Amino acid sequence: MQKPLLEQVVVITGASSGIGRCTAEYVARRGARVVVTSRWREALDELVEEIEARGGQALAVPGDVRREEEMAAVADAAIERFGRIDTWVNNAGVYIQGQVTDLTLDDYRQVIETNLVGVINGTRQALRYMLPARSGVIIQISSIVGRLGAPYASPYCASKAGIDAFCDALRAETWGSGVHLSPLYVPPVDTPIYQHARSRFDTKPRPVPPIADPIEAARKIAELAIEPKPEAYMGWFRHVYLNLGLVTPRFADWFLHRTRELARGDLPADGDNLDRPMTTMKASARGGWSRGRWNWFTLPELARALPLETMMGAGLVGFVVGRLVSRE
């Protein structure tokens, strides 16, 4: 059991939008002192103003998780301002959609640099202060697609899968040190990561329902900050997704192949945040993908993504209705 949030100093990377922004607001409302970082200075300053307007304490330190000296500066600033780091949340992430043969090696490098090397960088900086203090929690925001890869998302899946092996190795190294590692495997979440993504198709990606709200992730992160676990999940969807290959791995391959088009959206692919923040969009915790978890999951979309299955289902419904009418 770690300190209650009221007594904690929490550092969050990728805090300008999405899960990071939502988590910063959530833990600050519960008394934690928050250090937020991302490449987007203006969004961080706005977030700090909002937190302080509600009586919270926050510090913005712009930085790129890919750069060692910038994450070192974040850790040093947290110590200088608040005296310690109790929880470090490695949340920063980028996304690319495309077929393996259409993606470039640079696409892979950029995603892995942020999503995996960025996690390693942030973890190392947190350990500089946590190991001497013999206390602290490092939460790695991973994904269920790091456990079972999804079509068109191979760079993202590979980067998240790498977090597992890194944490396994580090957990063994730091046994008995007082420092805890907690990877959190999230399902599709309603954040702007999809609008910010690079795409090798004509359109942007989108989350596949059921879509979780970022506040669910924020609550789970807050729980782990107090009671860390070797691994953690959120929502029921993982039970379905991660067990697709329970009978045979080939079923998982077939099912994911058949449903792969559900992840392709209809927004034009007109910019991304891999090289620099997308400052043309308002900084937000939510991406607006769903007012409810199944908002865009409609019959026309199913027909587009699964034409054969939809046609067969319609035929079956027609047959059943016809039989019922003939009995009258």
C-alpha atoms as a PDB file:
ATOM      1  CA  MET A   1       0.000   0.000   0.000  1.00  0.00           C
ATOM      2  CA  GLN A   2       1.451   3.349  -1.089  1.00  0.00           C
ATOM      3  CA  LYS A   3       0.598   6.833   0.162  1.00  0.00           C
ATOM      4  CA  PRO A   4      -2.949   8.108  -0.420  1.00  0.00           C
ATOM      5  CA  LEU A   5      -3.307  10.417  -3.428  1.00  0.00           C
ATOM      6  CA  LEU A   6      -3.654  13.387  -1.094  1.00  0.00           C
ATOM      7  CA  GLU A   7       0.017  12.902  -0.133  1.00  0.00           C
ATOM      8  CA  GLN A   8       1.410  12.016  -3.553  1.00  0.00           C
ATOM      9  CA  VAL A   9       3.430  13.753  -6.254  1.00  0.00           C
ATOM     10  CA  VAL A  10       2.419  12.322  -9.631  1.00  0.00           C
ATOM     11  CA  VAL A  11       4.302  12.824 -12.910  1.00  0.00           C
ATOM     12  CA  ILE A  12       2.333  12.173 -16.123  1.00  0.00           C
ATOM     13  CA  THR A  13       3.777  12.085 -19.637  1.00  0.00           C
ATOM     14  CA  GLY A  14       1.594  12.746 -22.672  1.00  0.00           C
ATOM     15  CA  ALA A  15      -0.598  14.930 -20.488  1.00  0.00           C
ATOM     16  CA  SER A  16      -1.765  17.433 -23.099  1.00  0.00           C
ATOM     17  CA  SER A  17      -4.681  15.245 -24.211  1.00  0.00           C
ATOM     18  CA  GLY A  18      -6.394  11.895 -23.846  1.00  0.00           C
ATOM     19  CA  ILE A  19      -5.798   9.592 -20.891  1.00  0.00           C
ATOM     20  CA  GLY A  20      -2.910  11.720 -19.621  1.00  0.00           C
ATOM     21  CA  ARG A  21      -4.960  14.907 -19.427  1.00  0.00           C
ATOM     22  CA  CYS A  22      -7.938  13.143 -17.875  1.00  0.00           C
ATOM     23  CA  THR A  23      -5.714  11.470 -15.276  1.00  0.00           C
ATOM     24  CA  ALA A  24      -4.001  14.737 -14.337  1.00  0.00           C
ATOM     25  CA  GLU A  25      -7.374  16.371 -13.715  1.00  0.00           C
ATOM     26  CA  TYR A  26      -8.666  13.334 -11.805  1.00  0.00           C
ATOM     27  CA  VAL A  27      -5.755  12.894  -9.384  1.00  0.00           C
ATOM     28  CA  ALA A  28      -5.389  16.661  -8.869  1.00  0.00           C
ATOM     29  CA  ARG A  29      -9.027  16.856  -7.764  1.00  0.00           C
ATOM     30  CA  ARG A  30      -8.155  14.229  -5.146  1.00  0.00           C
ATOM     31  CA  GLY A  31      -5.297  16.234  -3.732  1.00  0.00           C
ATOM     32  CA  ALA A  32      -2.267  14.935  -5.609  1.00  0.00           C
ATOM     33  CA  ARG A  33       0.369  17.415  -6.704  1.00  0.00           C
ATOM     34  CA  VAL A  34       0.799  16.896 -10.425  1.00  0.00           C
ATOM     35  CA  VAL A  35       3.704  17.401 -12.826  1.00  0.00           C
ATOM     36  CA  VAL A  36       2.511  17.255 -16.444  1.00  0.00           C
ATOM     37  CA  THR A  37       4.662  16.967 -19.529  1.00  0.00           C
ATOM     38  CA  SER A  38       4.240  16.687 -23.292  1.00  0.00           C
ATOM     39  CA  ARG A  39       5.579  18.447 -26.387  1.00  0.00           C
ATOM     40  CA  TRP A  40       2.636  20.894 -26.440  1.00  0.00           C
ATOM     41  CA  ARG A  41       3.478  23.734 -24.043  1.00  0.00           C
ATOM     42  CA  GLU A  42       0.277  25.741 -24.543  1.00  0.00           C
ATOM     43  CA  ALA A  43      -1.944  22.741 -23.780  1.00  0.00           C
ATOM     44  CA  LEU A  44       0.042  22.019 -20.612  1.00  0.00           C
ATOM     45  CA  ASP A  45      -0.222  25.629 -19.428  1.00  0.00           C
ATOM     46  CA  GLU A  46      -3.977  25.539 -20.016  1.00  0.00           C
ATOM     47  CA  LEU A  47      -4.239  22.281 -18.043  1.00  0.00           C
ATOM     48  CA  VAL A  48      -2.273  23.719 -15.113  1.00  0.00           C
ATOM     49  CA  GLU A  49      -4.497  26.800 -15.066  1.00  0.00           C
ATOM     50  CA  GLU A  50      -7.602  24.597 -14.912  1.00  0.00           C
ATOM     51  CA  ILE A  51      -6.167  22.505 -12.082  1.00  0.00           C
ATOM     52  CA  GLU A  52      -5.084  25.545 -10.075  1.00  0.00           C
ATOM     53  CA  ALA A  53      -8.439  27.241 -10.631  1.00  0.00           C
ATOM     54  CA  ARG A  54      -9.998  24.302  -8.750  1.00  0.00           C
ATOM     55  CA  GLY A  55      -7.529  24.655  -5.903  1.00  0.00           C
ATOM     56  CA  GLY A  56      -5.038  22.003  -7.032  1.00  0.00           C
ATOM     57  CA  GLN A  57      -1.268  22.167  -7.408  1.00  0.00           C
ATOM     58  CA  ALA A  58       0.360  21.468 -10.765  1.00  0.00           C
ATOM     59  CA  LEU A  59       3.557  22.130 -12.671  1.00  0.00           C
ATOM     60  CA  ALA A  60       3.983  22.057 -16.464  1.00  0.00           C
ATOM     61  CA  VAL A  61       7.361  20.965 -17.832  1.00  0.00           C
ATOM     62  CA  PRO A  62       7.323  20.604 -21.632  1.00  0.00           C
ATOM     63  CA  GLY A  63       9.367  17.689 -22.902  1.00  0.00           C
ATOM     64  CA  ASP A  64       9.687  14.966 -25.526  1.00  0.00           C
ATOM     65  CA  VAL A  65       9.781  11.429 -24.097  1.00  0.00           C
ATOM     66  CA  ARG A  66      12.205  10.448 -26.859  1.00  0.00           C
ATOM     67  CA  ARG A  67      14.884  12.801 -25.490  1.00  0.00           C
ATOM     68  CA  GLU A  68      16.788  11.725 -22.401  1.00  0.00           C
ATOM     69  CA  GLU A  69      17.763  15.216 -21.299  1.00  0.00           C
ATOM     70  CA  GLU A  70      14.181  16.477 -21.519  1.00  0.00           C
ATOM     71  CA  MET A  71      12.759  13.689 -19.332  1.00  0.00           C
ATOM     72  CA  ALA A  72      15.645  14.221 -16.916  1.00  0.00           C
ATOM     73  CA  ALA A  73      14.576  17.859 -16.708  1.00  0.00           C
ATOM     74  CA  VAL A  74      11.003  16.786 -15.927  1.00  0.00           C
ATOM     75  CA  ALA A  75      12.147  14.566 -13.066  1.00  0.00           C
ATOM     76  CA  ASP A  76      14.495  17.240 -11.709  1.00  0.00           C
ATOM     77  CA  ALA A  77      11.749  19.889 -11.859  1.00  0.00           C
ATOM     78  CA  ALA A  78       9.365  17.623  -9.930  1.00  0.00           C
ATOM     79  CA  ILE A  79      11.963  17.152  -7.182  1.00  0.00           C
ATOM     80  CA  GLU A  80      12.849  20.848  -7.077  1.00  0.00           C
ATOM     81  CA  ARG A  81       9.197  21.939  -6.815  1.00  0.00           C
ATOM     82  CA  PHE A  82       7.655  19.178  -4.695  1.00  0.00           C
ATOM     83  CA  GLY A  83      10.573  17.303  -3.132  1.00  0.00           C
ATOM     84  CA  ARG A  84       9.830  13.776  -4.377  1.00  0.00           C
ATOM     85  CA  ILE A  85       8.131  11.592  -7.004  1.00  0.00           C
ATOM     86  CA  ASP A  86       5.653   9.014  -5.720  1.00  0.00           C
ATOM     87  CA  THR A  87       4.059   7.901  -8.989  1.00  0.00           C
ATOM     88  CA  TRP A  88       5.300   8.232 -12.566  1.00  0.00           C
ATOM     89  CA  VAL A  89       2.807   7.508 -15.361  1.00  0.00           C
ATOM     90  CA  ASN A  90       4.364   6.698 -18.743  1.00  0.00           C
ATOM     91  CA  ASN A  91       1.382   7.556 -20.893  1.00  0.00           C
ATOM     92  CA  ALA A  92       2.733   9.332 -23.998  1.00  0.00           C
ATOM     93  CA  GLY A  93       1.885   7.457 -27.193  1.00  0.00           C
ATOM     94  CA  VAL A  94       1.412   7.847 -30.938  1.00  0.00           C
ATOM     95  CA  TYR A  95      -0.443   5.724 -33.463  1.00  0.00           C
ATOM     96  CA  ILE A  96      -0.064   4.732 -37.120  1.00  0.00           C
ATOM     97  CA  GLN A  97      -2.487   2.758 -39.257  1.00  0.00           C
ATOM     98  CA  GLY A  98      -1.569   0.896 -42.416  1.00  0.00           C
ATOM     99  CA  GLN A  99      -0.647  -2.432 -43.933  1.00  0.00           C
ATOM    100  CA  VAL A 100       2.836  -3.719 -43.138  1.00  0.00           C
ATOM    101  CA  THR A 101       3.827  -3.498 -46.802  1.00  0.00           C
ATOM    102  CA  ASP A 102       2.672   0.139 -47.041  1.00  0.00           C
ATOM    103  CA  LEU A 103       4.262   1.372 -43.811  1.00  0.00           C
ATOM    104  CA  THR A 104       7.830   2.648 -43.920  1.00  0.00           C
ATOM    105  CA  LEU A 105      10.634   1.657 -41.575  1.00  0.00           C
ATOM    106  CA  ASP A 106      10.606   5.241 -40.380  1.00  0.00           C
ATOM    107  CA  ASP A 107       6.937   4.801 -39.414  1.00  0.00           C
ATOM    108  CA  TYR A 108       7.955   1.898 -37.195  1.00  0.00           C
ATOM    109  CA  ARG A 109      10.914   3.763 -35.753  1.00  0.00           C
ATOM    110  CA  GLN A 110       8.839   6.791 -34.810  1.00  0.00           C
ATOM    111  CA  VAL A 111       6.154   4.770 -33.036  1.00  0.00           C
ATOM    112  CA  ILE A 112       8.669   2.584 -31.200  1.00  0.00           C
ATOM    113  CA  GLU A 113      10.748   5.631 -30.231  1.00  0.00           C
ATOM    114  CA  THR A 114       7.761   7.220 -28.494  1.00  0.00           C
ATOM    115  CA  ASN A 115       5.764   4.247 -27.232  1.00  0.00           C
ATOM    116  CA  LEU A 116       8.595   1.969 -26.099  1.00  0.00           C
ATOM    117  CA  VAL A 117      11.832   3.955 -25.874  1.00  0.00           C
ATOM    118  CA  GLY A 118       9.812   6.796 -24.322  1.00  0.00           C
ATOM    119  CA  VAL A 119       8.580   4.399 -21.626  1.00  0.00           C
ATOM    120  CA  ILE A 120      12.144   3.212 -20.986  1.00  0.00           C
ATOM    121  CA  ASN A 121      13.370   6.801 -20.823  1.00  0.00           C
ATOM    122  CA  GLY A 122      10.671   7.904 -18.391  1.00  0.00           C
ATOM    123  CA  THR A 123      11.176   4.815 -16.245  1.00  0.00           C
ATOM    124  CA  ARG A 124      14.924   5.413 -15.973  1.00  0.00           C
ATOM    125  CA  GLN A 125      14.366   9.012 -14.896  1.00  0.00           C
ATOM    126  CA  ALA A 126      11.824   7.965 -12.272  1.00  0.00           C
ATOM    127  CA  LEU A 127      14.228   5.326 -10.938  1.00  0.00           C
ATOM    128  CA  ARG A 128      16.929   7.955 -10.387  1.00  0.00           C
ATOM    129  CA  TYR A 129      14.869   9.264  -7.495  1.00  0.00           C
ATOM    130  CA  MET A 130      12.685   6.307  -6.535  1.00  0.00           C
ATOM    131  CA  LEU A 131      15.474   3.788  -5.946  1.00  0.00           C
ATOM    132  CA  PRO A 132      17.338   5.949  -3.397  1.00  0.00           C
ATOM    133  CA  ALA A 133      13.991   6.675  -1.706  1.00  0.00           C
ATOM    134  CA  ARG A 134      13.109   2.940  -1.789  1.00  0.00           C
ATOM    135  CA  SER A 135       9.587   3.907  -2.740  1.00  0.00           C
ATOM    136  CA  GLY A 136       7.477   4.653  -5.803  1.00  0.00           C
ATOM    137  CA  VAL A 137       5.112   3.351  -8.456  1.00  0.00           C
ATOM    138  CA  ILE A 138       5.775   3.438 -12.206  1.00  0.00           C
ATOM    139  CA  ILE A 139       2.618   2.889 -14.271  1.00  0.00           C
ATOM    140  CA  GLN A 140       3.077   1.958 -17.924  1.00  0.00           C
ATOM    141  CA  ILE A 141       0.066   2.638 -20.153  1.00  0.00           C
ATOM    142  CA  SER A 142      -0.021  -0.339 -22.485  1.00  0.00           C
ATOM    143  CA  SER A 143      -2.836  -1.861 -24.550  1.00  0.00           C
ATOM    144  CA  ILE A 144      -4.609  -5.156 -25.045  1.00  0.00           C
ATOM    145  CA  VAL A 145      -3.222  -5.127 -28.605  1.00  0.00           C
ATOM    146  CA  GLY A 146       0.188  -5.502 -26.989  1.00  0.00           C
ATOM    147  CA  ARG A 147      -1.035  -8.939 -25.919  1.00  0.00           C
ATOM    148  CA  LEU A 148      -2.866  -9.812 -29.146  1.00  0.00           C
ATOM    149  CA  GLY A 149      -1.922  -7.735 -32.168  1.00  0.00           C
ATOM    150  CA  ALA A 150      -4.551  -6.149 -34.405  1.00  0.00           C
ATOM    151  CA  PRO A 151      -4.453  -5.756 -38.206  1.00  0.00           C
ATOM    152  CA  TYR A 152      -3.306  -2.395 -39.612  1.00  0.00           C
ATOM    153  CA  ALA A 153      -1.732  -1.471 -36.235  1.00  0.00           C
ATOM    154  CA  SER A 154       1.510  -3.475 -36.262  1.00  0.00           C
ATOM    155  CA  PRO A 155       3.838  -0.598 -35.206  1.00  0.00           C
ATOM    156  CA  TYR A 156       1.619   0.249 -32.239  1.00  0.00           C
ATOM    157  CA  CYS A 157       1.182  -3.428 -31.271  1.00  0.00           C
ATOM    158  CA  ALA A 158       4.914  -4.105 -31.456  1.00  0.00           C
ATOM    159  CA  SER A 159       5.731  -1.055 -29.342  1.00  0.00           C
ATOM    160  CA  LYS A 160       3.239  -2.037 -26.650  1.00  0.00           C
ATOM    161  CA  ALA A 161       4.364  -5.682 -26.627  1.00  0.00           C
ATOM    162  CA  GLY A 162       7.913  -4.497 -25.948  1.00  0.00           C
ATOM    163  CA  ILE A 163       6.763  -2.895 -22.701  1.00  0.00           C
ATOM    164  CA  ASP A 164       5.979  -6.368 -21.319  1.00  0.00           C
ATOM    165  CA  ALA A 165       9.494  -7.755 -21.674  1.00  0.00           C
ATOM    166  CA  PHE A 166      11.043  -4.527 -20.405  1.00  0.00           C
ATOM    167  CA  CYS A 167       8.864  -4.587 -17.277  1.00  0.00           C
ATOM    168  CA  ASP A 168       9.491  -8.302 -16.658  1.00  0.00           C
ATOM    169  CA  ALA A 169      13.254  -7.719 -16.742  1.00  0.00           C
ATOM    170  CA  LEU A 170      13.114  -4.591 -14.596  1.00  0.00           C
ATOM    171  CA  ARG A 171      10.734  -6.124 -12.057  1.00  0.00           C
ATOM    172  CA  ALA A 172      13.246  -8.913 -11.426  1.00  0.00           C
ATOM    173  CA  GLU A 173      16.135  -6.432 -11.217  1.00  0.00           C
ATOM    174  CA  THR A 174      14.388  -4.198  -8.703  1.00  0.00           C
ATOM    175  CA  TRP A 175      12.910  -6.943  -6.496  1.00  0.00           C
ATOM    176  CA  GLY A 176      12.851  -5.747  -2.889  1.00  0.00           C
ATOM    177  CA  SER A 177      13.726  -2.172  -3.830  1.00  0.00           C
ATOM    178  CA  GLY A 178      10.391  -0.673  -2.771  1.00  0.00           C
ATOM    179  CA  VAL A 179       9.677   0.418  -6.371  1.00  0.00           C
ATOM    180  CA  HIS A 180       6.640  -1.109  -8.088  1.00  0.00           C
ATOM    181  CA  LEU A 181       5.931  -1.516 -11.823  1.00  0.00           C
ATOM    182  CA  SER A 182       2.326  -1.661 -13.010  1.00  0.00           C
ATOM    183  CA  PRO A 183       1.547  -2.050 -16.724  1.00  0.00           C
ATOM    184  CA  LEU A 184      -2.080  -1.132 -17.474  1.00  0.00           C
ATOM    185  CA  TYR A 185      -3.574  -2.802 -20.551  1.00  0.00           C
ATOM    186  CA  VAL A 186      -6.331  -0.563 -21.881  1.00  0.00           C
ATOM    187  CA  PRO A 187      -9.021  -1.394 -24.475  1.00  0.00           C
ATOM    188  CA  PRO A 188     -10.052   1.115 -27.174  1.00  0.00           C
ATOM    189  CA  VAL A 189     -10.547   4.461 -25.397  1.00  0.00           C
ATOM    190  CA  ASP A 190     -12.330   7.597 -26.582  1.00  0.00           C
ATOM    191  CA  THR A 191      -9.281   9.858 -26.959  1.00  0.00           C
ATOM    192  CA  PRO A 192      -7.858  12.029 -29.766  1.00  0.00           C
ATOM    193  CA  ILE A 193      -5.037   9.546 -30.496  1.00  0.00           C
ATOM    194  CA  TYR A 194      -6.973   8.400 -33.569  1.00  0.00           C
ATOM    195  CA  GLN A 195      -7.418  11.920 -34.967  1.00  0.00           C
ATOM    196  CA  HIS A 196      -3.722  12.535 -34.245  1.00  0.00           C
ATOM    197  CA  ALA A 197      -2.626   9.322 -35.959  1.00  0.00           C
ATOM    198  CA  ARG A 198      -0.702   8.923 -39.175  1.00  0.00           C
ATOM    199  CA  SER A 199      -2.450   6.748 -41.748  1.00  0.00           C
ATOM    200  CA  ARG A 200      -1.239   4.998 -44.877  1.00  0.00           C
ATOM    201  CA  PHE A 201      -4.851   4.797 -46.005  1.00  0.00           C
ATOM    202  CA  ASP A 202      -6.903   7.754 -47.268  1.00  0.00           C
ATOM    203  CA  THR A 203      -8.681   8.046 -43.923  1.00  0.00           C
ATOM    204  CA  LYS A 204      -7.853   8.144 -40.229  1.00  0.00           C
ATOM    205  CA  PRO A 205      -8.246   5.135 -37.925  1.00  0.00           C
ATOM    206  CA  ARG A 206     -10.977   4.944 -35.301  1.00  0.00           C
ATOM    207  CA  PRO A 207     -11.557   2.889 -32.146  1.00  0.00           C
ATOM    208  CA  VAL A 208     -13.516  -0.341 -32.419  1.00  0.00           C
ATOM    209  CA  PRO A 209     -16.471  -0.627 -30.005  1.00  0.00           C
ATOM    210  CA  PRO A 210     -16.969  -1.047 -27.131  1.00  0.00           C
ATOM    211  CA  ILE A 211     -15.173   2.245 -26.505  1.00  0.00           C
ATOM    212  CA  ALA A 212     -14.095   3.062 -22.940  1.00  0.00           C
ATOM    213  CA  ASP A 213     -14.208   6.557 -21.471  1.00  0.00           C
ATOM    214  CA  PRO A 214     -10.826   8.020 -20.425  1.00  0.00           C
ATOM    215  CA  ILE A 215     -12.193   8.605 -16.937  1.00  0.00           C
ATOM    216  CA  GLU A 216     -12.223   4.817 -16.502  1.00  0.00           C
ATOM    217  CA  ALA A 217      -8.506   4.744 -17.257  1.00  0.00           C
ATOM    218  CA  ALA A 218      -7.912   7.672 -14.883  1.00  0.00           C
ATOM    219  CA  ARG A 219      -9.684   5.847 -12.056  1.00  0.00           C
ATOM    220  CA  LYS A 220      -7.641   2.714 -12.673  1.00  0.00           C
ATOM    221  CA  ILE A 221      -4.381   4.681 -12.722  1.00  0.00           C
ATOM    222  CA  ALA A 222      -5.340   6.335  -9.434  1.00  0.00           C
ATOM    223  CA  GLU A 223      -6.022   2.898  -7.914  1.00  0.00           C
ATOM    224  CA  LEU A 224      -2.643   1.587  -9.069  1.00  0.00           C
ATOM    225  CA  ALA A 225      -0.880   4.629  -7.626  1.00  0.00           C
ATOM    226  CA  ILE A 226      -2.153   3.530  -4.214  1.00  0.00           C
ATOM    227  CA  GLU A 227      -2.202  -0.263  -4.668  1.00  0.00           C
ATOM    228  CA  PRO A 228       0.182  -1.242  -7.485  1.00  0.00           C
ATOM    229  CA  LYS A 229      -0.178  -4.604  -9.243  1.00  0.00           C
ATOM    230  CA  PRO A 230       2.189  -6.531 -11.557  1.00  0.00           C
ATOM    231  CA  GLU A 231      -0.403  -6.092 -14.305  1.00  0.00           C
ATOM    232  CA  ALA A 232      -3.829  -4.502 -14.540  1.00  0.00           C
ATOM    233  CA  TYR A 233      -6.715  -4.311 -16.990  1.00  0.00           C
ATOM    234  CA  MET A 234      -9.879  -2.281 -17.333  1.00  0.00           C
ATOM    235  CA  GLY A 235     -13.288  -3.288 -18.659  1.00  0.00           C
ATOM    236  CA  TRP A 236     -14.807  -6.608 -19.704  1.00  0.00           C
ATOM    237  CA  PHE A 237     -13.868  -6.469 -23.393  1.00  0.00           C
ATOM    238  CA  ARG A 238     -10.425  -7.924 -22.713  1.00  0.00           C
ATOM    239  CA  HIS A 239     -12.028 -11.244 -21.743  1.00  0.00           C
ATOM    240  CA  VAL A 240     -13.465 -11.531 -25.234  1.00  0.00           C
ATOM    241  CA  TYR A 241     -10.551 -10.094 -27.194  1.00  0.00           C
ATOM    242  CA  LEU A 242      -7.677 -11.853 -25.440  1.00  0.00           C
ATOM    243  CA  ASN A 243      -9.444 -15.226 -25.578  1.00  0.00           C
ATOM    244  CA  LEU A 244     -10.196 -15.216 -29.311  1.00  0.00           C
ATOM    245  CA  GLY A 245      -7.489 -17.830 -29.815  1.00  0.00           C
ATOM    246  CA  LEU A 246      -8.447 -19.950 -26.816  1.00  0.00           C
ATOM    247  CA  VAL A 247      -9.558 -22.909 -28.936  1.00  0.00           C
ATOM    248  CA  THR A 248      -7.123 -22.326 -31.794  1.00  0.00           C
ATOM    249  CA  PRO A 249      -4.893 -19.356 -32.700  1.00  0.00           C
ATOM    250  CA  ARG A 250      -6.134 -19.649 -36.266  1.00  0.00           C
ATOM    251  CA  PHE A 251      -9.619 -18.549 -35.184  1.00  0.00           C
ATOM    252  CA  ALA A 252      -8.169 -15.320 -33.774  1.00  0.00           C
ATOM    253  CA  ASP A 253      -6.329 -14.728 -37.068  1.00  0.00           C
ATOM    254  CA  TRP A 254      -9.488 -15.383 -39.098  1.00  0.00           C
ATOM    255  CA  PHE A 255     -11.741 -13.244 -36.895  1.00  0.00           C
ATOM    256  CA  LEU A 256      -9.364 -10.273 -36.787  1.00  0.00           C
ATOM    257  CA  HIS A 257      -8.869 -10.502 -40.539  1.00  0.00           C
ATOM    258  CA  ARG A 258     -12.616 -10.514 -41.157  1.00  0.00           C
ATOM    259  CA  THR A 259     -13.248  -7.540 -38.851  1.00  0.00           C
ATOM    260  CA  ARG A 260     -10.172  -5.461 -39.722  1.00  0.00           C
ATOM    261  CA  GLU A 261     -12.123  -2.840 -41.696  1.00  0.00           C
ATOM    262  CA  LEU A 262     -14.004  -1.771 -38.557  1.00  0.00           C
ATOM    263  CA  ALA A 263     -10.852   0.079 -37.482  1.00  0.00           C
ATOM    264  CA  ARG A 264     -10.825   2.286 -40.589  1.00  0.00           C
ATOM    265  CA  GLY A 265     -12.659   5.553 -40.129  1.00  0.00           C
ATOM    266  CA  ASP A 266     -14.034   8.156 -42.520  1.00  0.00           C
ATOM    267  CA  LEU A 267     -12.076  11.260 -41.458  1.00  0.00           C
ATOM    268  CA  PRO A 268      -9.516  12.332 -44.079  1.00  0.00           C
ATOM    269  CA  ALA A 269      -5.884  11.514 -43.325  1.00  0.00           C
ATOM    270  CA  ASP A 270      -4.697  15.118 -43.309  1.00  0.00           C
ATOM    271  CA  GLY A 271      -1.945  15.401 -40.738  1.00  0.00           C
ATOM    272  CA  ASP A 272      -0.543  13.674 -37.658  1.00  0.00           C
ATOM    273  CA  ASN A 273       1.411  14.312 -34.463  1.00  0.00           C
ATOM    274  CA  LEU A 274       4.417  12.075 -35.003  1.00  0.00           C
ATOM    275  CA  ASP A 275       6.826  14.890 -35.784  1.00  0.00           C
ATOM    276  CA  ARG A 276       5.132  17.653 -33.799  1.00  0.00           C
ATOM    277  CA  PRO A 277       1.912  18.220 -31.791  1.00  0.00           C
ATOM    278  CA  MET A 278      -1.330  18.767 -33.733  1.00  0.00           C
ATOM    279  CA  THR A 279      -1.971  22.249 -32.406  1.00  0.00           C
ATOM    280  CA  THR A 280      -4.763  22.785 -34.936  1.00  0.00           C
ATOM    281  CA  MET A 281      -7.035  20.739 -32.666  1.00  0.00           C
ATOM    282  CA  LYS A 282      -8.241  21.824 -29.256  1.00  0.00           C
ATOM    283  CA  ALA A 283      -6.497  19.965 -26.435  1.00  0.00           C
ATOM    284  CA  SER A 284      -9.024  17.523 -25.016  1.00  0.00           C
ATOM    285  CA  ALA A 285      -9.243  14.370 -22.941  1.00  0.00           C
ATOM    286  CA  ARG A 286     -11.873  12.883 -25.264  1.00  0.00           C
ATOM    287  CA  GLY A 287     -11.856  12.354 -28.998  1.00  0.00           C
ATOM    288  CA  GLY A 288     -15.635  12.503 -29.380  1.00  0.00           C
ATOM    289  CA  TRP A 289     -15.841   9.043 -30.901  1.00  0.00           C
ATOM    290  CA  SER A 290     -18.740   7.911 -28.821  1.00  0.00           C
ATOM    291  CA  ARG A 291     -21.394   9.372 -26.588  1.00  0.00           C
ATOM    292  CA  GLY A 292     -22.199   5.754 -25.810  1.00  0.00           C
ATOM    293  CA  ARG A 293     -19.876   2.820 -26.215  1.00  0.00           C
ATOM    294  CA  TRP A 294     -21.432   1.705 -29.512  1.00  0.00           C
ATOM    295  CA  ASN A 295     -22.278   5.089 -31.035  1.00  0.00           C
ATOM    296  CA  TRP A 296     -21.049   4.561 -34.612  1.00  0.00           C
ATOM    297  CA  PHE A 297     -21.508   0.761 -34.614  1.00  0.00           C
ATOM    298  CA  THR A 298     -24.402   0.779 -37.108  1.00  0.00           C
ATOM    299  CA  LEU A 299     -25.805  -1.621 -39.685  1.00  0.00           C
ATOM    300  CA  PRO A 300     -24.312   0.342 -42.639  1.00  0.00           C
ATOM    301  CA  GLU A 301     -20.886   0.188 -40.992  1.00  0.00           C
ATOM    302  CA  LEU A 302     -21.241  -3.550 -40.406  1.00  0.00           C
ATOM    303  CA  ALA A 303     -22.285  -3.997 -44.015  1.00  0.00           C
ATOM    304  CA  ARG A 304     -19.212  -2.083 -45.185  1.00  0.00           C
ATOM    305  CA  ALA A 305     -16.789  -4.009 -42.995  1.00  0.00           C
ATOM    306  CA  LEU A 306     -18.494  -7.421 -43.106  1.00  0.00           C
ATOM    307  CA  PRO A 307     -20.468  -7.560 -46.362  1.00  0.00           C
ATOM    308  CA  LEU A 308     -20.761 -11.360 -46.563  1.00  0.00           C
ATOM    309  CA  GLU A 309     -21.757 -11.813 -42.928  1.00  0.00           C
ATOM    310  CA  THR A 310     -24.277  -8.954 -43.137  1.00  0.00           C
ATOM    311  CA  MET A 311     -25.833 -10.402 -46.284  1.00  0.00           C
ATOM    312  CA  MET A 312     -26.097 -13.843 -44.693  1.00  0.00           C
ATOM    313  CA  GLY A 313     -27.597 -12.344 -41.527  1.00  0.00           C
ATOM    314  CA  ALA A 314     -30.148 -10.366 -43.540  1.00  0.00           C
ATOM    315  CA  GLY A 315     -31.050 -13.497 -45.482  1.00  0.00           C
ATOM    316  CA  LEU A 316     -31.544 -15.449 -42.273  1.00  0.00           C
ATOM    317  CA  VAL A 317     -33.754 -12.729 -40.818  1.00  0.00           C
ATOM    318  CA  GLY A 318     -35.786 -12.643 -44.040  1.00  0.00           C
ATOM    319  CA  PHE A 319     -36.202 -16.412 -43.979  1.00  0.00           C
ATOM    320  CA  VAL A 320     -37.367 -16.422 -40.349  1.00  0.00           C
ATOM    321  CA  VAL A 321     -39.791 -13.552 -40.939  1.00  0.00           C
ATOM    322  CA  GLY A 322     -41.129 -15.285 -44.046  1.00  0.00           C
ATOM    323  CA  ARG A 323     -41.743 -18.497 -42.142  1.00  0.00           C
ATOM    324  CA  LEU A 324     -43.529 -16.642 -39.353  1.00  0.00           C
ATOM    325  CA  VAL A 325     -45.766 -14.781 -41.823  1.00  0.00           C
ATOM    326  CA  SER A 326     -46.634 -18.008 -43.709  1.00  0.00           C
ATOM    327  CA  ARG A 327     -47.899 -19.576 -40.485  1.00  0.00           C
ATOM    328  CA  GLU A 328     -50.510 -16.871 -39.966  1.00  0.00           C
END
